[in-house]
Amino acid sequence: MLIDSFDWWYSNPTTLSQSCLGIEEKCHFVEHSYASGKADVDAVVAARDSFHHAEISVAENVTRIYFTMESPFHSRISLERDNDLLATFWRGSHLVTPYGKWVYYNESIRHKSQGRNYAAGKTKLGAIFISNCRTPNNRIDYVKKLQKLIGVDIYGMCGSGLHCLRSDKSACFDILKRHYKFYLSFENSNCRDYITEKLYENAYE
C-alpha cells in the first residue's frame, strides 16, 4: 500500500515502509508525490488544522485520510465520500492517533511511596501557561476566578507580565519545579478524548 503524506508527518524525507494495522502488506510512505503526479498512490494523508486547510482532490479509488491533532473547534473536516477516513485523537476515529496514553511501567506496581516532599521549599502555589486567550471553553475566565481564591500565576499573553519563552521549554519547566507546588493543565477545548501535550508533556514531564 502506497501512502502519500505531508512533509511533517515524518522528519525523514525518504520513503518509509512499515506494517499497517489491519493490513497484511506493508505501507510505504512518500511525501507530496501524488500532488506532483510522481506516484500512483492508494491513499493521501491530508492535515487539517489552523495551518492546513486546503482541499485535496483525489481520484475516486484513492482514500483520503484527514489527520488532525486539534479539537473540532479548530479544524474543519468534511467526510464527503465513503472512502474518506478520519485520523484524530478521538477514540471513535477510523484511525486513532492520540497525543499519548498512560501505561504503567510495571503492571504489578500501581502505587509507590515517595521518599521526599516535592512541595518543600516552594513558595508559590500554582502556575499556568496560556497564550491563547479566546477559547471555546473560556479557560482564562475560570483561571481568573481561581485567582480570587488561591495564588495562581499566569504566564504568557493572557497574564499580566509574566513570560516564559515557548521555545525554551526546559527553562519554563525549571521555573515550575523550583517555585510552584501545582501546574494547571487546561486544554483550549473540552472535547471527548482531547488530551494534549499540556498533560502528557508539560504536566507529567
Protein backbone atom coordinates (compact mmCIF):
# COMPACT_ATOMS: atom_id res chain seq x y z
CA MET A 1 0.00 0.00 0.00
CA LEU A 2 1.47 3.36 -1.03
CA ILE A 3 0.50 6.36 1.12
CA ASP A 4 1.33 9.97 0.30
CA SER A 5 1.88 12.11 3.39
CA PHE A 6 2.53 15.76 4.17
CA ASP A 7 6.02 16.98 4.99
CA TRP A 8 5.92 16.95 8.80
CA TRP A 9 4.31 13.52 9.19
CA TYR A 10 7.83 12.12 9.14
CA SER A 11 11.04 14.08 9.61
CA ASN A 12 12.97 11.84 7.23
CA PRO A 13 12.05 12.77 3.63
CA THR A 14 12.96 9.33 2.26
CA THR A 15 10.36 6.68 1.51
CA LEU A 16 9.46 4.73 4.65
CA SER A 17 7.96 1.26 4.95
CA GLN A 18 6.25 -0.20 7.97
CA SER A 19 3.46 -2.55 8.97
CA CYS A 20 -0.01 -1.04 8.98
CA LEU A 21 -2.63 -2.09 11.50
CA GLY A 22 -5.16 -4.48 9.97
CA ILE A 23 -3.35 -4.68 6.63
CA GLU A 24 -1.24 -7.70 5.72
CA GLU A 25 1.01 -5.85 3.30
CA LYS A 26 3.40 -3.14 4.38
CA CYS A 27 2.57 0.53 3.98
CA HIS A 28 5.04 2.65 2.03
CA PHE A 29 5.03 6.34 2.90
CA VAL A 30 6.15 9.03 0.47
CA GLU A 31 5.86 12.81 0.57
CA HIS A 32 3.93 15.06 -1.80
CA SER A 33 4.22 12.55 -4.63
CA TYR A 34 0.53 12.38 -5.52
CA ALA A 35 0.09 16.14 -5.86
CA SER A 36 3.14 16.37 -8.07
CA GLY A 37 2.00 13.45 -10.23
CA LYS A 38 5.03 11.35 -9.32
CA ALA A 39 3.23 8.42 -7.75
CA ASP A 40 0.11 6.32 -8.18
CA VAL A 41 -0.93 6.05 -4.54
CA ASP A 42 -3.63 4.17 -2.64
CA ALA A 43 -4.21 6.88 -0.04
CA VAL A 44 -3.38 10.51 0.70
CA VAL A 45 -2.91 11.88 4.22
CA ALA A 46 -4.13 15.48 4.47
CA ALA A 47 -3.52 17.59 7.57
CA ARG A 48 -6.45 19.53 8.98
CA ASP A 49 -5.65 22.27 11.49
CA SER A 50 -5.15 26.02 11.75
CA PHE A 51 -2.28 25.87 9.24
CA HIS A 52 -3.51 23.21 6.80
CA HIS A 53 -6.98 23.61 5.32
CA ALA A 54 -6.60 23.44 1.53
CA GLU A 55 -8.90 20.92 -0.15
CA ILE A 56 -7.23 17.84 -1.60
CA SER A 57 -8.72 16.45 -4.80
CA VAL A 58 -8.13 12.76 -5.40
CA ALA A 59 -9.33 10.11 -7.81
CA GLU A 60 -12.33 8.01 -6.74
CA ASN A 61 -10.14 4.98 -5.98
CA VAL A 62 -7.79 6.96 -3.72
CA THR A 63 -8.57 7.12 0.00
CA ARG A 64 -8.31 10.49 1.74
CA ILE A 65 -7.15 10.30 5.35
CA TYR A 66 -7.90 13.53 7.17
CA PHE A 67 -5.47 13.94 10.07
CA THR A 68 -5.73 16.49 12.87
CA MET A 69 -4.47 16.87 16.41
CA GLU A 70 -6.68 19.91 17.02
CA SER A 71 -10.14 19.96 18.57
CA PRO A 72 -13.16 20.23 16.21
CA PHE A 73 -13.35 23.92 17.15
CA HIS A 74 -10.00 24.50 15.42
CA SER A 75 -10.20 22.11 12.48
CA ARG A 76 -12.53 21.78 9.53
CA ILE A 77 -13.12 18.26 8.29
CA SER A 78 -15.87 17.06 5.98
CA LEU A 79 -16.03 13.35 5.15
CA GLU A 80 -17.70 13.56 1.75
CA ARG A 81 -17.02 10.08 0.35
CA ASP A 82 -17.33 6.53 1.61
CA ASN A 83 -13.56 6.06 1.45
CA ASP A 84 -12.70 9.24 3.37
CA LEU A 85 -11.17 8.35 6.74
CA LEU A 86 -10.69 10.28 9.96
CA ALA A 87 -7.40 10.14 11.91
CA THR A 88 -7.66 12.04 15.21
CA PHE A 89 -7.31 11.79 18.99
CA TRP A 90 -11.00 10.77 19.24
CA ARG A 91 -11.36 7.06 20.01
CA GLY A 92 -14.27 6.86 17.56
CA SER A 93 -12.00 7.76 14.62
CA HIS A 94 -11.22 5.30 11.83
CA LEU A 95 -7.54 5.70 12.80
CA VAL A 96 -6.96 6.66 16.43
CA THR A 97 -3.92 8.97 16.74
CA PRO A 98 -3.76 10.33 20.31
CA TYR A 99 -1.10 12.67 21.64
CA GLY A 100 -0.12 9.94 24.08
CA LYS A 101 -1.50 7.45 26.55
CA TRP A 102 -0.93 6.38 30.14
CA VAL A 103 0.61 2.97 30.72
CA TYR A 104 2.13 1.52 33.88
CA TYR A 105 5.87 0.98 33.73
CA ASN A 106 5.29 -2.17 35.72
CA GLU A 107 1.75 -3.58 35.76
CA SER A 108 2.29 -5.11 39.20
CA ILE A 109 3.13 -1.72 40.75
CA ARG A 110 0.15 0.63 40.96
CA HIS A 111 1.39 2.80 43.82
CA LYS A 112 4.83 3.76 45.07
CA SER A 113 5.57 5.72 48.23
CA GLN A 114 7.72 8.79 47.66
CA GLY A 115 10.79 9.42 49.75
CA ARG A 116 10.63 13.19 49.51
CA ASN A 117 8.25 16.10 49.87
CA TYR A 118 8.01 17.66 46.41
CA ALA A 119 6.40 20.82 47.83
CA ALA A 120 9.25 21.51 50.26
CA GLY A 121 10.95 24.84 49.72
CA LYS A 122 8.44 26.04 47.14
CA THR A 123 6.89 29.42 47.89
CA LYS A 124 4.20 29.68 45.21
CA LEU A 125 1.04 27.66 44.82
CA GLY A 126 0.06 27.35 41.15
CA ALA A 127 1.02 28.44 37.63
CA ILE A 128 -0.42 28.09 34.16
CA PHE A 129 0.98 28.93 30.70
CA ILE A 130 -1.64 30.46 28.38
CA SER A 131 -1.18 32.49 25.21
CA ASN A 132 -4.50 31.65 23.51
CA CYS A 133 -6.88 33.88 25.46
CA ARG A 134 -10.07 33.30 23.45
CA THR A 135 -11.02 29.64 23.67
CA PRO A 136 -14.35 27.78 23.34
CA ASN A 137 -14.27 26.69 26.98
CA ASN A 138 -13.32 30.13 28.41
CA ARG A 139 -10.50 28.62 30.45
CA ILE A 140 -8.98 32.05 31.20
CA ASP A 141 -12.20 33.13 32.94
CA TYR A 142 -12.01 30.05 35.13
CA VAL A 143 -8.37 30.79 36.00
CA LYS A 144 -9.23 34.39 36.92
CA LYS A 145 -11.95 33.13 39.25
CA LEU A 146 -9.40 30.80 40.84
CA GLN A 147 -7.07 33.76 41.37
CA LYS A 148 -9.66 35.31 43.69
CA LEU A 149 -9.40 32.25 45.95
CA ILE A 150 -5.82 30.99 45.66
CA GLY A 151 -2.48 32.11 44.27
CA VAL A 152 -2.24 31.37 40.54
CA ASP A 153 0.36 32.98 38.25
CA ILE A 154 -0.46 33.25 34.54
CA TYR A 155 2.49 33.09 32.16
CA GLY A 156 2.03 34.18 28.56
CA MET A 157 -0.10 36.61 26.58
CA CYS A 158 -3.14 36.14 28.82
CA GLY A 159 -1.36 37.14 32.02
CA SER A 160 -0.05 40.40 33.43
CA GLY A 161 3.63 40.46 32.64
CA LEU A 162 4.98 37.00 33.50
CA HIS A 163 6.72 35.46 30.49
CA CYS A 164 8.41 32.20 29.62
CA LEU A 165 9.56 31.53 26.07
CA ARG A 166 7.78 28.57 24.47
CA SER A 167 10.97 27.92 22.52
CA ASP A 168 12.80 27.20 25.78
CA LYS A 169 10.60 24.62 27.48
CA SER A 170 13.36 23.42 29.80
CA ALA A 171 13.59 26.89 31.35
CA CYS A 172 9.81 27.02 31.78
CA PHE A 173 9.74 23.60 33.41
CA ASP A 174 12.59 24.65 35.68
CA ILE A 175 10.55 27.63 36.90
CA LEU A 176 7.69 25.27 37.73
CA LYS A 177 9.89 22.75 39.52
CA ARG A 178 11.71 25.36 41.62
CA HIS A 179 8.85 27.64 42.67
CA TYR A 180 5.40 26.07 42.22
CA LYS A 181 3.54 23.31 44.03
CA PHE A 182 0.98 22.90 41.24
CA TYR A 183 0.84 23.26 37.46
CA LEU A 184 -2.60 23.90 35.96
CA SER A 185 -3.12 21.96 32.75
CA PHE A 186 -6.26 23.22 30.98
CA GLU A 187 -6.99 22.45 27.32
CA ASN A 188 -8.35 25.12 24.96
CA SER A 189 -11.43 22.96 24.24
CA ASN A 190 -13.48 20.48 26.24
CA CYS A 191 -13.93 17.58 23.80
CA ARG A 192 -14.15 13.83 24.28
CA ASP A 193 -10.65 12.25 24.34
CA TYR A 194 -8.96 15.62 23.67
CA ILE A 195 -5.89 15.42 25.92
CA THR A 196 -2.76 17.09 24.55
CA GLU A 197 0.86 17.77 25.42
CA LYS A 198 -0.39 20.00 28.24
CA LEU A 199 -0.84 16.81 30.22
CA TYR A 200 1.47 14.27 28.57
CA GLU A 201 4.46 16.58 28.22
CA ASN A 202 4.02 19.71 30.34
CA ALA A 203 2.41 18.17 33.44
CA TYR A 204 3.86 14.65 33.51
CA GLU A 205 7.34 15.65 32.43
